[in-house]
C-alpha cells in the first residue's frame, strides 16, 4: 500500500507527480488496513533537507507491503537553520515531544553536516543521544544512515570514526556476506551503493561493537550492519537513498565552491559515476571555469542538463528491496497499539523466531 498524505508536506505532491501512489488521508481512514508509523529524524543541512526527505519517503512508499505508511518527520532544534528551511520545518515537521507521545513503529535517522573532528563536540550530540536512547526502548527498529551510524557507534559502543585522509565519493560495488539474514532475503548478492564521506567505521570496529556485517565492499568498506538481535538497529554507511543525480549535484556544488574561491582545488570526479562522454563535457567546463577565473568573469553555467540524462542508477532497486524486507518484518512483529511494550510476547533474543 502507498504512503498516506497525513499532512500538507510538499513532498507528497512531488512524489505523486513522479507517478508514485499517494493515498489521501480522508481515503486512508476509511480503509480497514494496518497502519505503520515511521519517524524520520532529518538532520541534513538546509540545502539537502527536502531532497533527503523525498529520498526516504520514496523508498518507503515504493515498498509493497500490505500497510498504510504514515511518515512523521522531525528534526533537532540545535541544528542551525536559515529562514526558508526553518519555515518548512515549522509548517510541516512534528516535534520530538509529539513523536514520543504518539509513538512510532520504526525510525530512520539521516546523516548531517559536521564541523568538528570529534562528533561529541557537535551541538546535536546530546539531543541525538536522547532520541537514540528513547528509540532503543520504544521503537521496534531504527535505521541509522551514514553520519548517524558514526554517531551511534561512538555513543553506544565507543567506536569513533576514523579519517580516511580523502573523500570516499562515488558508486561502489558491494557483496552480501550473510545471505541468510532477513534484511537481504532475495536481494541481489552483488550491487552498487553510493558513498560520500571523509571518515570510516571499519569492519573490525563494527565487530568490536558486537555488530553483524551484512554487506561490504572491497573498496568502500562496510555498508550494512545490524545489531546482534538481528533487527533492532540497522546501520547504513553508504547512501542507498540517493537519487540518480545526487552525486552530480554534490559535484556541481563543489565546482561552484571552487569557482567562488572557497575551495582551493578543482573537485575530482566521483568514482564509477560519469561515463567518458560526460567526463569530457565536464572537463571542457573546467577549462571554461579556469579561464573565467583568470579573467575575473562570472562562472559559466554548469552543464547539468547535458550530463544528468546520461547517468545510470545501479542501486535503487536493491535499496528498495532492503527497505521492503525491513518494513515487512516490522509489520509482522509490531502491534496495532504502538504504546504497548516493544514486541510484547516475543523473545528479545530471537525476535523473528528464526531459531525455531
C-alpha atoms as a PDB file:
ATOM      1  CA  UNK A   1       0.000   0.000   0.000  1.00  0.00           C
ATOM      2  CA  UNK A   2       1.103   3.594  -0.501  1.00  0.00           C
ATOM      3  CA  UNK A   3       2.245   6.461   1.606  1.00  0.00           C
ATOM      4  CA  UNK A   4      -0.605   8.310   3.294  1.00  0.00           C
ATOM      5  CA  UNK A   5      -0.671  12.091   2.818  1.00  0.00           C
ATOM      6  CA  UNK A   6      -1.158  12.787   6.508  1.00  0.00           C
ATOM      7  CA  UNK A   7      -0.075  16.445   6.161  1.00  0.00           C
ATOM      8  CA  UNK A   8       0.315  19.200   3.545  1.00  0.00           C
ATOM      9  CA  UNK A   9       4.028  18.408   3.140  1.00  0.00           C
ATOM     10  CA  UNK A  10       5.016  19.331  -0.464  1.00  0.00           C
ATOM     11  CA  UNK A  11       6.941  16.070  -0.792  1.00  0.00           C
ATOM     12  CA  UNK A  12       3.641  14.211  -1.229  1.00  0.00           C
ATOM     13  CA  UNK A  13       2.724  16.280  -4.311  1.00  0.00           C
ATOM     14  CA  UNK A  14       6.244  15.955  -5.673  1.00  0.00           C
ATOM     15  CA  UNK A  15       6.162  12.146  -5.392  1.00  0.00           C
ATOM     16  CA  UNK A  16       2.653  11.972  -6.854  1.00  0.00           C
ATOM     17  CA  UNK A  17       3.856  13.907  -9.912  1.00  0.00           C
ATOM     18  CA  UNK A  18       6.653  11.339 -10.275  1.00  0.00           C
ATOM     19  CA  UNK A  19       3.998   8.650 -10.587  1.00  0.00           C
ATOM     20  CA  UNK A  20       4.085   7.277  -7.055  1.00  0.00           C
ATOM     21  CA  UNK A  21       0.741   6.405  -5.487  1.00  0.00           C
ATOM     22  CA  UNK A  22      -0.118   8.686  -2.568  1.00  0.00           C
ATOM     23  CA  UNK A  23      -3.270   7.939  -0.595  1.00  0.00           C
ATOM     24  CA  UNK A  24      -5.267  10.984   0.585  1.00  0.00           C
ATOM     25  CA  UNK A  25      -5.773  10.931   4.330  1.00  0.00           C
ATOM     26  CA  UNK A  26      -9.575  11.000   4.145  1.00  0.00           C
ATOM     27  CA  UNK A  27      -9.480   7.882   1.954  1.00  0.00           C
ATOM     28  CA  UNK A  28      -6.959   6.137   4.187  1.00  0.00           C
ATOM     29  CA  UNK A  29      -9.067   6.414   7.325  1.00  0.00           C
ATOM     30  CA  UNK A  30     -11.970   4.690   5.552  1.00  0.00           C
ATOM     31  CA  UNK A  31      -9.891   1.565   4.892  1.00  0.00           C
ATOM     32  CA  UNK A  32      -9.510  -1.218   7.424  1.00  0.00           C
ATOM     33  CA  UNK A  33      -5.812  -1.680   6.746  1.00  0.00           C
ATOM     34  CA  UNK A  34      -2.932  -1.825   9.204  1.00  0.00           C
ATOM     35  CA  UNK A  35      -1.016   1.423   9.700  1.00  0.00           C
ATOM     36  CA  UNK A  36       2.758   1.597  10.082  1.00  0.00           C
ATOM     37  CA  UNK A  37       4.091   4.835  11.565  1.00  0.00           C
ATOM     38  CA  UNK A  38       7.673   5.729  10.662  1.00  0.00           C
ATOM     39  CA  UNK A  39       9.641   8.628  12.074  1.00  0.00           C
ATOM     40  CA  UNK A  40      12.227  10.494  10.009  1.00  0.00           C
ATOM     41  CA  UNK A  41      14.767  12.408  12.080  1.00  0.00           C
ATOM     42  CA  UNK A  42      16.071  14.676   9.332  1.00  0.00           C
ATOM     43  CA  UNK A  43      19.363  16.266  10.400  1.00  0.00           C
ATOM     44  CA  UNK A  44      20.527  17.288   6.934  1.00  0.00           C
ATOM     45  CA  UNK A  45      21.515  20.922   6.296  1.00  0.00           C
ATOM     46  CA  UNK A  46      19.120  23.352   4.658  1.00  0.00           C
ATOM     47  CA  UNK A  47      20.209  22.718   1.060  1.00  0.00           C
ATOM     48  CA  UNK A  48      19.593  18.982   1.366  1.00  0.00           C
ATOM     49  CA  UNK A  49      16.701  18.959   3.842  1.00  0.00           C
ATOM     50  CA  UNK A  50      13.812  18.497   1.410  1.00  0.00           C
ATOM     51  CA  UNK A  51      15.742  16.305  -1.031  1.00  0.00           C
ATOM     52  CA  UNK A  52      16.661  13.875   1.761  1.00  0.00           C
ATOM     53  CA  UNK A  53      13.063  13.931   2.932  1.00  0.00           C
ATOM     54  CA  UNK A  54      11.877  12.952  -0.560  1.00  0.00           C
ATOM     55  CA  UNK A  55      14.501  10.227  -0.938  1.00  0.00           C
ATOM     56  CA  UNK A  56      13.475   8.353   2.191  1.00  0.00           C
ATOM     57  CA  UNK A  57       9.769   8.911   1.606  1.00  0.00           C
ATOM     58  CA  UNK A  58      10.236   7.489  -1.881  1.00  0.00           C
ATOM     59  CA  UNK A  59      11.941   4.327  -0.604  1.00  0.00           C
ATOM     60  CA  UNK A  60       9.240   3.721   1.989  1.00  0.00           C
ATOM     61  CA  UNK A  61       6.417   4.466  -0.431  1.00  0.00           C
ATOM     62  CA  UNK A  62       7.721   2.031  -3.020  1.00  0.00           C
ATOM     63  CA  UNK A  63       7.550  -0.837  -0.563  1.00  0.00           C
ATOM     64  CA  UNK A  64       4.835  -3.316  -1.496  1.00  0.00           C
ATOM     65  CA  UNK A  65       3.859  -4.440   1.995  1.00  0.00           C
ATOM     66  CA  UNK A  66       0.163  -4.523   2.832  1.00  0.00           C
ATOM     67  CA  UNK A  67       0.068  -1.484   5.076  1.00  0.00           C
ATOM     68  CA  UNK A  68      -0.502   2.253   5.072  1.00  0.00           C
ATOM     69  CA  UNK A  69       2.701   4.160   5.748  1.00  0.00           C
ATOM     70  CA  UNK A  70       2.428   7.300   7.844  1.00  0.00           C
ATOM     71  CA  UNK A  71       5.627   9.345   7.901  1.00  0.00           C
ATOM     72  CA  UNK A  72       6.471  11.624  10.820  1.00  0.00           C
ATOM     73  CA  UNK A  73       9.352  13.999  10.022  1.00  0.00           C
ATOM     74  CA  UNK A  74      11.093  15.853  12.840  1.00  0.00           C
ATOM     75  CA  UNK A  75      14.486  17.425  13.444  1.00  0.00           C
ATOM     76  CA  UNK A  76      16.643  18.787  16.258  1.00  0.00           C
ATOM     77  CA  UNK A  77      16.277  22.438  17.222  1.00  0.00           C
ATOM     78  CA  UNK A  78      20.006  22.660  17.966  1.00  0.00           C
ATOM     79  CA  UNK A  79      20.808  22.394  14.238  1.00  0.00           C
ATOM     80  CA  UNK A  80      21.287  25.862  12.698  1.00  0.00           C
ATOM     81  CA  UNK A  81      18.675  26.751  10.087  1.00  0.00           C
ATOM     82  CA  UNK A  82      18.033  29.568   7.660  1.00  0.00           C
ATOM     83  CA  UNK A  83      14.669  31.268   7.391  1.00  0.00           C
ATOM     84  CA  UNK A  84      13.337  29.172   4.476  1.00  0.00           C
ATOM     85  CA  UNK A  85      14.279  25.805   5.965  1.00  0.00           C
ATOM     86  CA  UNK A  86      13.005  26.808   9.390  1.00  0.00           C
ATOM     87  CA  UNK A  87       9.726  27.874   7.829  1.00  0.00           C
ATOM     88  CA  UNK A  88       9.420  24.456   6.170  1.00  0.00           C
ATOM     89  CA  UNK A  89      10.141  22.744   9.482  1.00  0.00           C
ATOM     90  CA  UNK A  90       7.727  24.923  11.450  1.00  0.00           C
ATOM     91  CA  UNK A  91       4.918  24.251   8.992  1.00  0.00           C
ATOM     92  CA  UNK A  92       5.356  20.578   8.145  1.00  0.00           C
ATOM     93  CA  UNK A  93       7.521  18.866  10.778  1.00  0.00           C
ATOM     94  CA  UNK A  94       6.500  17.427  14.106  1.00  0.00           C
ATOM     95  CA  UNK A  95       8.337  17.841  17.405  1.00  0.00           C
ATOM     96  CA  UNK A  96      10.214  15.109  19.220  1.00  0.00           C
ATOM     97  CA  UNK A  97       7.784  15.577  22.114  1.00  0.00           C
ATOM     98  CA  UNK A  98       4.822  14.776  19.859  1.00  0.00           C
ATOM     99  CA  UNK A  99       6.644  11.795  18.345  1.00  0.00           C
ATOM    100  CA  UNK A 100       7.300  10.388  21.823  1.00  0.00           C
ATOM    101  CA  UNK A 101       3.693  10.998  22.844  1.00  0.00           C
ATOM    102  CA  UNK A 102       2.140   9.300  19.813  1.00  0.00           C
ATOM    103  CA  UNK A 103       4.734   6.534  19.361  1.00  0.00           C
ATOM    104  CA  UNK A 104       6.408   5.035  16.303  1.00  0.00           C
ATOM    105  CA  UNK A 105       6.739   1.602  14.775  1.00  0.00           C
ATOM    106  CA  UNK A 106      10.064   2.448  13.132  1.00  0.00           C
ATOM    107  CA  UNK A 107      12.564   5.264  12.864  1.00  0.00           C
ATOM    108  CA  UNK A 108      15.034   6.491  10.231  1.00  0.00           C
ATOM    109  CA  UNK A 109      17.850   8.843  11.286  1.00  0.00           C
ATOM    110  CA  UNK A 110      19.599  10.709   8.483  1.00  0.00           C
ATOM    111  CA  UNK A 111      23.153  11.958   8.252  1.00  0.00           C
ATOM    112  CA  UNK A 112      24.204  15.544   8.984  1.00  0.00           C
ATOM    113  CA  UNK A 113      26.910  18.012   8.126  1.00  0.00           C
ATOM    114  CA  UNK A 114      29.523  18.343  10.872  1.00  0.00           C
ATOM    115  CA  UNK A 115      32.202  20.889  11.738  1.00  0.00           C
ATOM    116  CA  UNK A 116      34.224  19.053  14.403  1.00  0.00           C
ATOM    117  CA  UNK A 117      36.551  16.071  14.139  1.00  0.00           C
ATOM    118  CA  UNK A 118      35.029  14.650  17.335  1.00  0.00           C
ATOM    119  CA  UNK A 119      31.292  14.184  16.937  1.00  0.00           C
ATOM    120  CA  UNK A 120      30.756  14.676  20.650  1.00  0.00           C
ATOM    121  CA  UNK A 121      31.548  18.363  20.132  1.00  0.00           C
ATOM    122  CA  UNK A 122      28.662  18.851  17.694  1.00  0.00           C
ATOM    123  CA  UNK A 123      25.639  20.810  19.001  1.00  0.00           C
ATOM    124  CA  UNK A 124      23.312  17.947  18.111  1.00  0.00           C
ATOM    125  CA  UNK A 125      25.294  15.353  20.101  1.00  0.00           C
ATOM    126  CA  UNK A 126      23.265  15.425  23.321  1.00  0.00           C
ATOM    127  CA  UNK A 127      19.807  15.759  21.716  1.00  0.00           C
ATOM    128  CA  UNK A 128      20.612  12.984  19.237  1.00  0.00           C
ATOM    129  CA  UNK A 129      21.613  10.787  22.172  1.00  0.00           C
ATOM    130  CA  UNK A 130      18.193  11.410  23.726  1.00  0.00           C
ATOM    131  CA  UNK A 131      16.466  10.287  20.523  1.00  0.00           C
ATOM    132  CA  UNK A 132      18.682   7.207  20.262  1.00  0.00           C
ATOM    133  CA  UNK A 133      18.046   6.241  23.889  1.00  0.00           C
ATOM    134  CA  UNK A 134      14.288   6.697  23.505  1.00  0.00           C
ATOM    135  CA  UNK A 135      14.218   4.694  20.280  1.00  0.00           C
ATOM    136  CA  UNK A 136      16.136   1.828  21.849  1.00  0.00           C
ATOM    137  CA  UNK A 137      13.371   1.374  24.416  1.00  0.00           C
ATOM    138  CA  UNK A 138      10.311   2.352  22.397  1.00  0.00           C
ATOM    139  CA  UNK A 139      10.781   1.726  18.679  1.00  0.00           C
ATOM    140  CA  UNK A 140      10.772  -1.690  17.052  1.00  0.00           C
ATOM    141  CA  UNK A 141      13.581  -0.944  14.610  1.00  0.00           C
ATOM    142  CA  UNK A 142      15.799   2.035  13.777  1.00  0.00           C
ATOM    143  CA  UNK A 143      17.814   2.692  10.620  1.00  0.00           C
ATOM    144  CA  UNK A 144      20.881   4.894  11.045  1.00  0.00           C
ATOM    145  CA  UNK A 145      22.193   6.476   7.855  1.00  0.00           C
ATOM    146  CA  UNK A 146      25.841   7.476   7.279  1.00  0.00           C
ATOM    147  CA  UNK A 147      26.745  10.132   9.871  1.00  0.00           C
ATOM    148  CA  UNK A 148      24.024   8.788  12.173  1.00  0.00           C
ATOM    149  CA  UNK A 149      25.757   5.398  12.015  1.00  0.00           C
ATOM    150  CA  UNK A 150      29.037   7.018  13.046  1.00  0.00           C
ATOM    151  CA  UNK A 151      27.350   8.886  15.904  1.00  0.00           C
ATOM    152  CA  UNK A 152      25.552   5.832  17.277  1.00  0.00           C
ATOM    153  CA  UNK A 153      28.700   3.703  17.063  1.00  0.00           C
ATOM    154  CA  UNK A 154      30.520   6.306  19.136  1.00  0.00           C
ATOM    155  CA  UNK A 155      27.714   6.983  21.630  1.00  0.00           C
ATOM    156  CA  UNK A 156      26.568   3.436  22.215  1.00  0.00           C
ATOM    157  CA  UNK A 157      29.688   1.378  21.533  1.00  0.00           C
ATOM    158  CA  UNK A 158      32.664   3.685  21.997  1.00  0.00           C
ATOM    159  CA  UNK A 159      33.805   3.206  18.394  1.00  0.00           C
ATOM    160  CA  UNK A 160      34.860   6.568  16.954  1.00  0.00           C
ATOM    161  CA  UNK A 161      35.033   7.039  13.211  1.00  0.00           C
ATOM    162  CA  UNK A 162      38.474   7.462  11.672  1.00  0.00           C
ATOM    163  CA  UNK A 163      39.523   9.967   8.997  1.00  0.00           C
ATOM    164  CA  UNK A 164      40.218   8.447   5.598  1.00  0.00           C
ATOM    165  CA  UNK A 165      42.550  11.233   4.525  1.00  0.00           C
ATOM    166  CA  UNK A 166      40.451  11.680   1.393  1.00  0.00           C
ATOM    167  CA  UNK A 167      36.807  11.757   0.367  1.00  0.00           C
ATOM    168  CA  UNK A 168      35.292   8.377  -0.438  1.00  0.00           C
ATOM    169  CA  UNK A 169      32.992   9.580  -3.132  1.00  0.00           C
ATOM    170  CA  UNK A 170      31.216   7.691  -5.877  1.00  0.00           C
ATOM    171  CA  UNK A 171      29.363   4.465  -6.626  1.00  0.00           C
ATOM    172  CA  UNK A 172      30.987   1.255  -5.410  1.00  0.00           C
ATOM    173  CA  UNK A 173      30.428  -2.458  -5.916  1.00  0.00           C
ATOM    174  CA  UNK A 174      29.260  -4.385  -2.829  1.00  0.00           C
ATOM    175  CA  UNK A 175      28.578  -8.006  -1.914  1.00  0.00           C
ATOM    176  CA  UNK A 176      26.186  -9.597   0.557  1.00  0.00           C
ATOM    177  CA  UNK A 177      28.302 -11.509   3.072  1.00  0.00           C
ATOM    178  CA  UNK A 178      25.426 -13.106   5.002  1.00  0.00           C
ATOM    179  CA  UNK A 179      22.682 -14.247   2.649  1.00  0.00           C
ATOM    180  CA  UNK A 180      20.557 -15.752   5.432  1.00  0.00           C
ATOM    181  CA  UNK A 181      19.641 -12.533   7.185  1.00  0.00           C
ATOM    182  CA  UNK A 182      16.011 -11.444   6.599  1.00  0.00           C
ATOM    183  CA  UNK A 183      17.046  -7.910   5.605  1.00  0.00           C
ATOM    184  CA  UNK A 184      18.828  -9.198   2.499  1.00  0.00           C
ATOM    185  CA  UNK A 185      16.452 -12.030   1.648  1.00  0.00           C
ATOM    186  CA  UNK A 186      16.023 -12.268  -2.145  1.00  0.00           C
ATOM    187  CA  UNK A 187      18.257  -9.205  -2.615  1.00  0.00           C
ATOM    188  CA  UNK A 188      20.892  -9.156  -5.353  1.00  0.00           C
ATOM    189  CA  UNK A 189      24.039 -10.698  -3.917  1.00  0.00           C
ATOM    190  CA  UNK A 190      26.151  -8.062  -5.673  1.00  0.00           C
ATOM    191  CA  UNK A 191      25.029  -4.473  -6.124  1.00  0.00           C
ATOM    192  CA  UNK A 192      26.181  -0.860  -6.075  1.00  0.00           C
ATOM    193  CA  UNK A 193      25.859   1.718  -3.306  1.00  0.00           C
ATOM    194  CA  UNK A 194      26.800   5.419  -3.410  1.00  0.00           C
ATOM    195  CA  UNK A 195      29.179   6.728  -0.731  1.00  0.00           C
ATOM    196  CA  UNK A 196      30.085  10.295   0.166  1.00  0.00           C
ATOM    197  CA  UNK A 197      32.223  10.715   3.296  1.00  0.00           C
ATOM    198  CA  UNK A 198      35.634  11.629   4.676  1.00  0.00           C
ATOM    199  CA  UNK A 199      35.518   9.188   7.606  1.00  0.00           C
ATOM    200  CA  UNK A 200      35.045   5.476   8.085  1.00  0.00           C
ATOM    201  CA  UNK A 201      33.975   2.823  10.561  1.00  0.00           C
ATOM    202  CA  UNK A 202      35.923  -0.335   9.697  1.00  0.00           C
ATOM    203  CA  UNK A 203      34.685  -3.908   9.758  1.00  0.00           C
ATOM    204  CA  UNK A 204      36.918  -4.515  12.797  1.00  0.00           C
ATOM    205  CA  UNK A 205      35.170  -1.653  14.613  1.00  0.00           C
ATOM    206  CA  UNK A 206      31.707  -2.933  13.740  1.00  0.00           C
ATOM    207  CA  UNK A 207      32.673  -6.368  15.026  1.00  0.00           C
ATOM    208  CA  UNK A 208      34.286  -4.921  18.172  1.00  0.00           C
ATOM    209  CA  UNK A 209      30.923  -3.252  18.843  1.00  0.00           C
ATOM    210  CA  UNK A 210      29.239  -6.650  18.641  1.00  0.00           C
ATOM    211  CA  UNK A 211      27.508  -5.838  15.368  1.00  0.00           C
ATOM    212  CA  UNK A 212      26.993  -8.160  12.424  1.00  0.00           C
ATOM    213  CA  UNK A 213      28.140  -7.105   8.957  1.00  0.00           C
ATOM    214  CA  UNK A 214      25.756  -7.982   6.116  1.00  0.00           C
ATOM    215  CA  UNK A 215      27.072  -6.033   3.108  1.00  0.00           C
ATOM    216  CA  UNK A 216      30.535  -4.689   2.326  1.00  0.00           C
ATOM    217  CA  UNK A 217      32.761  -3.507  -0.493  1.00  0.00           C
ATOM    218  CA  UNK A 218      36.399  -4.355  -1.114  1.00  0.00           C
ATOM    219  CA  UNK A 219      36.970  -0.697  -1.989  1.00  0.00           C
ATOM    220  CA  UNK A 220      34.435   1.231   0.084  1.00  0.00           C
ATOM    221  CA  UNK A 221      34.233  -0.912   3.233  1.00  0.00           C
ATOM    222  CA  UNK A 222      31.157  -1.867   5.248  1.00  0.00           C
ATOM    223  CA  UNK A 223      27.824  -0.587   4.021  1.00  0.00           C
ATOM    224  CA  UNK A 224      25.201  -2.521   6.010  1.00  0.00           C
ATOM    225  CA  UNK A 225      25.445  -3.942   9.524  1.00  0.00           C
ATOM    226  CA  UNK A 226      22.899  -4.883  12.191  1.00  0.00           C
ATOM    227  CA  UNK A 227      22.703  -5.276  15.943  1.00  0.00           C
ATOM    228  CA  UNK A 228      23.105  -8.733  17.461  1.00  0.00           C
ATOM    229  CA  UNK A 229      19.350  -9.144  17.894  1.00  0.00           C
ATOM    230  CA  UNK A 230      19.330  -9.155  14.075  1.00  0.00           C
ATOM    231  CA  UNK A 231      16.860  -6.329  13.677  1.00  0.00           C
ATOM    232  CA  UNK A 232      16.645  -3.673  16.402  1.00  0.00           C
ATOM    233  CA  UNK A 233      19.239  -1.271  14.958  1.00  0.00           C
ATOM    234  CA  UNK A 234      20.353  -1.169  11.325  1.00  0.00           C
ATOM    235  CA  UNK A 235      23.414   0.722  10.162  1.00  0.00           C
ATOM    236  CA  UNK A 236      23.982   2.137   6.667  1.00  0.00           C
ATOM    237  CA  UNK A 237      27.401   3.642   5.993  1.00  0.00           C
ATOM    238  CA  UNK A 238      26.595   4.373   2.362  1.00  0.00           C
ATOM    239  CA  UNK A 239      23.680   6.275   0.826  1.00  0.00           C
ATOM    240  CA  UNK A 240      21.214   3.813  -0.753  1.00  0.00           C
ATOM    241  CA  UNK A 241      18.553   6.544  -0.626  1.00  0.00           C
ATOM    242  CA  UNK A 242      20.414   8.767  -3.110  1.00  0.00           C
ATOM    243  CA  UNK A 243      18.688   9.881  -6.289  1.00  0.00           C
ATOM    244  CA  UNK A 244      20.362   9.257  -9.628  1.00  0.00           C
ATOM    245  CA  UNK A 245      21.538  12.879  -9.720  1.00  0.00           C
ATOM    246  CA  UNK A 246      22.569  13.249  -6.062  1.00  0.00           C
ATOM    247  CA  UNK A 247      26.294  12.827  -6.695  1.00  0.00           C
ATOM    248  CA  UNK A 248      26.060  15.119  -9.717  1.00  0.00           C
ATOM    249  CA  UNK A 249      24.559  17.846  -7.555  1.00  0.00           C
ATOM    250  CA  UNK A 250      27.305  17.334  -4.955  1.00  0.00           C
ATOM    251  CA  UNK A 251      29.923  17.629  -7.706  1.00  0.00           C
ATOM    252  CA  UNK A 252      28.247  20.787  -9.033  1.00  0.00           C
ATOM    253  CA  UNK A 253      28.253  22.301  -5.547  1.00  0.00           C
ATOM    254  CA  UNK A 254      31.999  21.667  -5.226  1.00  0.00           C
ATOM    255  CA  UNK A 255      32.672  23.155  -8.671  1.00  0.00           C
ATOM    256  CA  UNK A 256      30.782  26.298  -7.651  1.00  0.00           C
ATOM    257  CA  UNK A 257      32.780  26.474  -4.430  1.00  0.00           C
ATOM    258  CA  UNK A 258      35.988  26.304  -6.474  1.00  0.00           C
ATOM    259  CA  UNK A 259      34.732  28.981  -8.842  1.00  0.00           C
ATOM    260  CA  UNK A 260      33.886  31.217  -5.873  1.00  0.00           C
ATOM    261  CA  UNK A 261      37.313  30.711  -4.343  1.00  0.00           C
ATOM    262  CA  UNK A 262      36.135  28.819  -1.254  1.00  0.00           C
ATOM    263  CA  UNK A 263      37.782  25.605  -2.454  1.00  0.00           C
ATOM    264  CA  UNK A 264      41.461  25.574  -3.424  1.00  0.00           C
ATOM    265  CA  UNK A 265      41.492  22.604  -5.778  1.00  0.00           C
ATOM    266  CA  UNK A 266      39.118  21.604  -8.565  1.00  0.00           C
ATOM    267  CA  UNK A 267      36.988  18.651  -7.388  1.00  0.00           C
ATOM    268  CA  UNK A 268      37.768  15.208  -8.783  1.00  0.00           C
ATOM    269  CA  UNK A 269      35.032  13.132 -10.392  1.00  0.00           C
ATOM    270  CA  UNK A 270      33.060  10.808  -8.124  1.00  0.00           C
ATOM    271  CA  UNK A 271      34.319   7.266  -8.723  1.00  0.00           C
ATOM    272  CA  UNK A 272      32.443   4.988 -11.124  1.00  0.00           C
ATOM    273  CA  UNK A 273      29.718   7.534 -11.851  1.00  0.00           C
ATOM    274  CA  UNK A 274      30.325   9.517 -15.057  1.00  0.00           C
ATOM    275  CA  UNK A 275      30.776   7.894 -18.463  1.00  0.00           C
ATOM    276  CA  UNK A 276      33.589   9.056 -20.797  1.00  0.00           C
ATOM    277  CA  UNK A 277      31.283  11.409 -22.713  1.00  0.00           C
ATOM    278  CA  UNK A 278      30.129  13.112 -19.532  1.00  0.00           C
ATOM    279  CA  UNK A 279      33.680  13.384 -18.249  1.00  0.00           C
ATOM    280  CA  UNK A 280      34.655  15.109 -21.499  1.00  0.00           C
ATOM    281  CA  UNK A 281      31.789  17.597 -21.119  1.00  0.00           C
ATOM    282  CA  UNK A 282      32.761  18.308 -17.525  1.00  0.00           C
ATOM    283  CA  UNK A 283      36.462  18.630 -18.368  1.00  0.00           C
ATOM    284  CA  UNK A 284      35.546  21.204 -21.009  1.00  0.00           C
ATOM    285  CA  UNK A 285      33.511  23.048 -18.409  1.00  0.00           C
ATOM    286  CA  UNK A 286      36.527  23.019 -16.089  1.00  0.00           C
ATOM    287  CA  UNK A 287      38.603  24.775 -18.746  1.00  0.00           C
ATOM    288  CA  UNK A 288      35.904  27.432 -19.075  1.00  0.00           C
ATOM    289  CA  UNK A 289      35.741  27.878 -15.296  1.00  0.00           C
ATOM    290  CA  UNK A 290      39.531  28.314 -15.059  1.00  0.00           C
ATOM    291  CA  UNK A 291      39.504  30.783 -17.942  1.00  0.00           C
ATOM    292  CA  UNK A 292      36.718  32.790 -16.297  1.00  0.00           C
ATOM    293  CA  UNK A 293      38.621  32.903 -13.002  1.00  0.00           C
ATOM    294  CA  UNK A 294      41.746  34.230 -14.726  1.00  0.00           C
ATOM    295  CA  UNK A 295      39.723  36.959 -16.447  1.00  0.00           C
ATOM    296  CA  UNK A 296      37.679  37.778 -13.365  1.00  0.00           C
ATOM    297  CA  UNK A 297      34.471  36.848 -15.168  1.00  0.00           C
ATOM    298  CA  UNK A 298      31.360  35.095 -13.752  1.00  0.00           C
ATOM    299  CA  UNK A 299      31.398  31.312 -13.585  1.00  0.00           C
ATOM    300  CA  UNK A 300      29.923  29.749 -16.749  1.00  0.00           C
ATOM    301  CA  UNK A 301      26.687  27.822 -16.345  1.00  0.00           C
ATOM    302  CA  UNK A 302      27.239  24.255 -15.145  1.00  0.00           C
ATOM    303  CA  UNK A 303      26.163  21.759 -17.894  1.00  0.00           C
ATOM    304  CA  UNK A 304      23.848  19.796 -15.600  1.00  0.00           C
ATOM    305  CA  UNK A 305      21.259  19.135 -18.305  1.00  0.00           C
ATOM    306  CA  UNK A 306      23.826  17.639 -20.685  1.00  0.00           C
ATOM    307  CA  UNK A 307      25.064  15.225 -18.048  1.00  0.00           C
ATOM    308  CA  UNK A 308      22.041  14.259 -15.952  1.00  0.00           C
ATOM    309  CA  UNK A 309      20.183  12.382 -18.708  1.00  0.00           C
ATOM    310  CA  UNK A 310      23.118  10.001 -19.208  1.00  0.00           C
ATOM    311  CA  UNK A 311      23.581   8.899 -15.611  1.00  0.00           C
ATOM    312  CA  UNK A 312      22.768   5.347 -14.534  1.00  0.00           C
ATOM    313  CA  UNK A 313      21.161   4.299 -11.278  1.00  0.00           C
ATOM    314  CA  UNK A 314      22.554   0.910 -10.243  1.00  0.00           C
ATOM    315  CA  UNK A 315      21.486   0.866  -6.600  1.00  0.00           C
ATOM    316  CA  UNK A 316      17.870   1.938  -6.143  1.00  0.00           C
ATOM    317  CA  UNK A 317      16.156  -1.402  -6.809  1.00  0.00           C
ATOM    318  CA  UNK A 318      18.303  -3.145  -4.199  1.00  0.00           C
ATOM    319  CA  UNK A 319      17.791  -0.330  -1.695  1.00  0.00           C
ATOM    320  CA  UNK A 320      14.049  -0.658  -2.251  1.00  0.00           C
ATOM    321  CA  UNK A 321      14.247  -4.422  -1.672  1.00  0.00           C
ATOM    322  CA  UNK A 322      16.103  -3.961   1.632  1.00  0.00           C
ATOM    323  CA  UNK A 323      13.566  -1.391   2.853  1.00  0.00           C
ATOM    324  CA  UNK A 324      10.764  -3.693   1.710  1.00  0.00           C
ATOM    325  CA  UNK A 325      12.230  -6.521   3.821  1.00  0.00           C
ATOM    326  CA  UNK A 326      12.654  -4.135   6.762  1.00  0.00           C
ATOM    327  CA  UNK A 327       9.051  -2.937   6.670  1.00  0.00           C
ATOM    328  CA  UNK A 328       7.742  -6.451   6.102  1.00  0.00           C
ATOM    329  CA  UNK A 329       9.304  -7.702   9.317  1.00  0.00           C
ATOM    330  CA  UNK A 330       8.200  -4.638  11.250  1.00  0.00           C
ATOM    331  CA  UNK A 331       4.664  -5.383  10.073  1.00  0.00           C
ATOM    332  CA  UNK A 332       4.939  -8.963  11.335  1.00  0.00           C
ATOM    333  CA  UNK A 333       6.241  -8.220  14.812  1.00  0.00           C
ATOM    334  CA  UNK A 334       4.617  -4.938  15.882  1.00  0.00           C
ATOM    335  CA  UNK A 335       1.229  -4.334  17.460  1.00  0.00           C
ATOM    336  CA  UNK A 336      -1.528  -2.071  16.220  1.00  0.00           C
ATOM    337  CA  UNK A 337      -1.168  -0.209  19.527  1.00  0.00           C
ATOM    338  CA  UNK A 338       2.287   1.394  19.361  1.00  0.00           C
ATOM    339  CA  UNK A 339       2.163   2.183  23.088  1.00  0.00           C
ATOM    340  CA  UNK A 340       2.306  -1.481  24.085  1.00  0.00           C
ATOM    341  CA  UNK A 341       5.728  -2.735  25.186  1.00  0.00           C
ATOM    342  CA  UNK A 342       8.214  -3.475  22.420  1.00  0.00           C
ATOM    343  CA  UNK A 343       7.256  -6.730  20.681  1.00  0.00           C
ATOM    344  CA  UNK A 344       5.306  -7.959  23.708  1.00  0.00           C
ATOM    345  CA  UNK A 345       5.391 -11.720  23.900  1.00  0.00           C
ATOM    346  CA  UNK A 346       8.335 -12.010  21.516  1.00  0.00           C
ATOM    347  CA  UNK A 347      11.694 -13.435  22.598  1.00  0.00           C
ATOM    348  CA  UNK A 348      14.067 -10.403  22.514  1.00  0.00           C
ATOM    349  CA  UNK A 349      16.975 -12.725  21.672  1.00  0.00           C
ATOM    350  CA  UNK A 350      15.085 -14.142  18.698  1.00  0.00           C
ATOM    351  CA  UNK A 351      12.502 -11.520  17.670  1.00  0.00           C
ATOM    352  CA  UNK A 352      11.791 -13.102  14.293  1.00  0.00           C
ATOM    353  CA  UNK A 353      11.514 -16.650  15.571  1.00  0.00           C
ATOM    354  CA  UNK A 354      14.427 -17.767  13.429  1.00  0.00           C
ATOM    355  CA  UNK A 355      15.880 -20.207  15.947  1.00  0.00           C
ATOM    356  CA  UNK A 356      12.932 -22.486  15.740  1.00  0.00           C
END
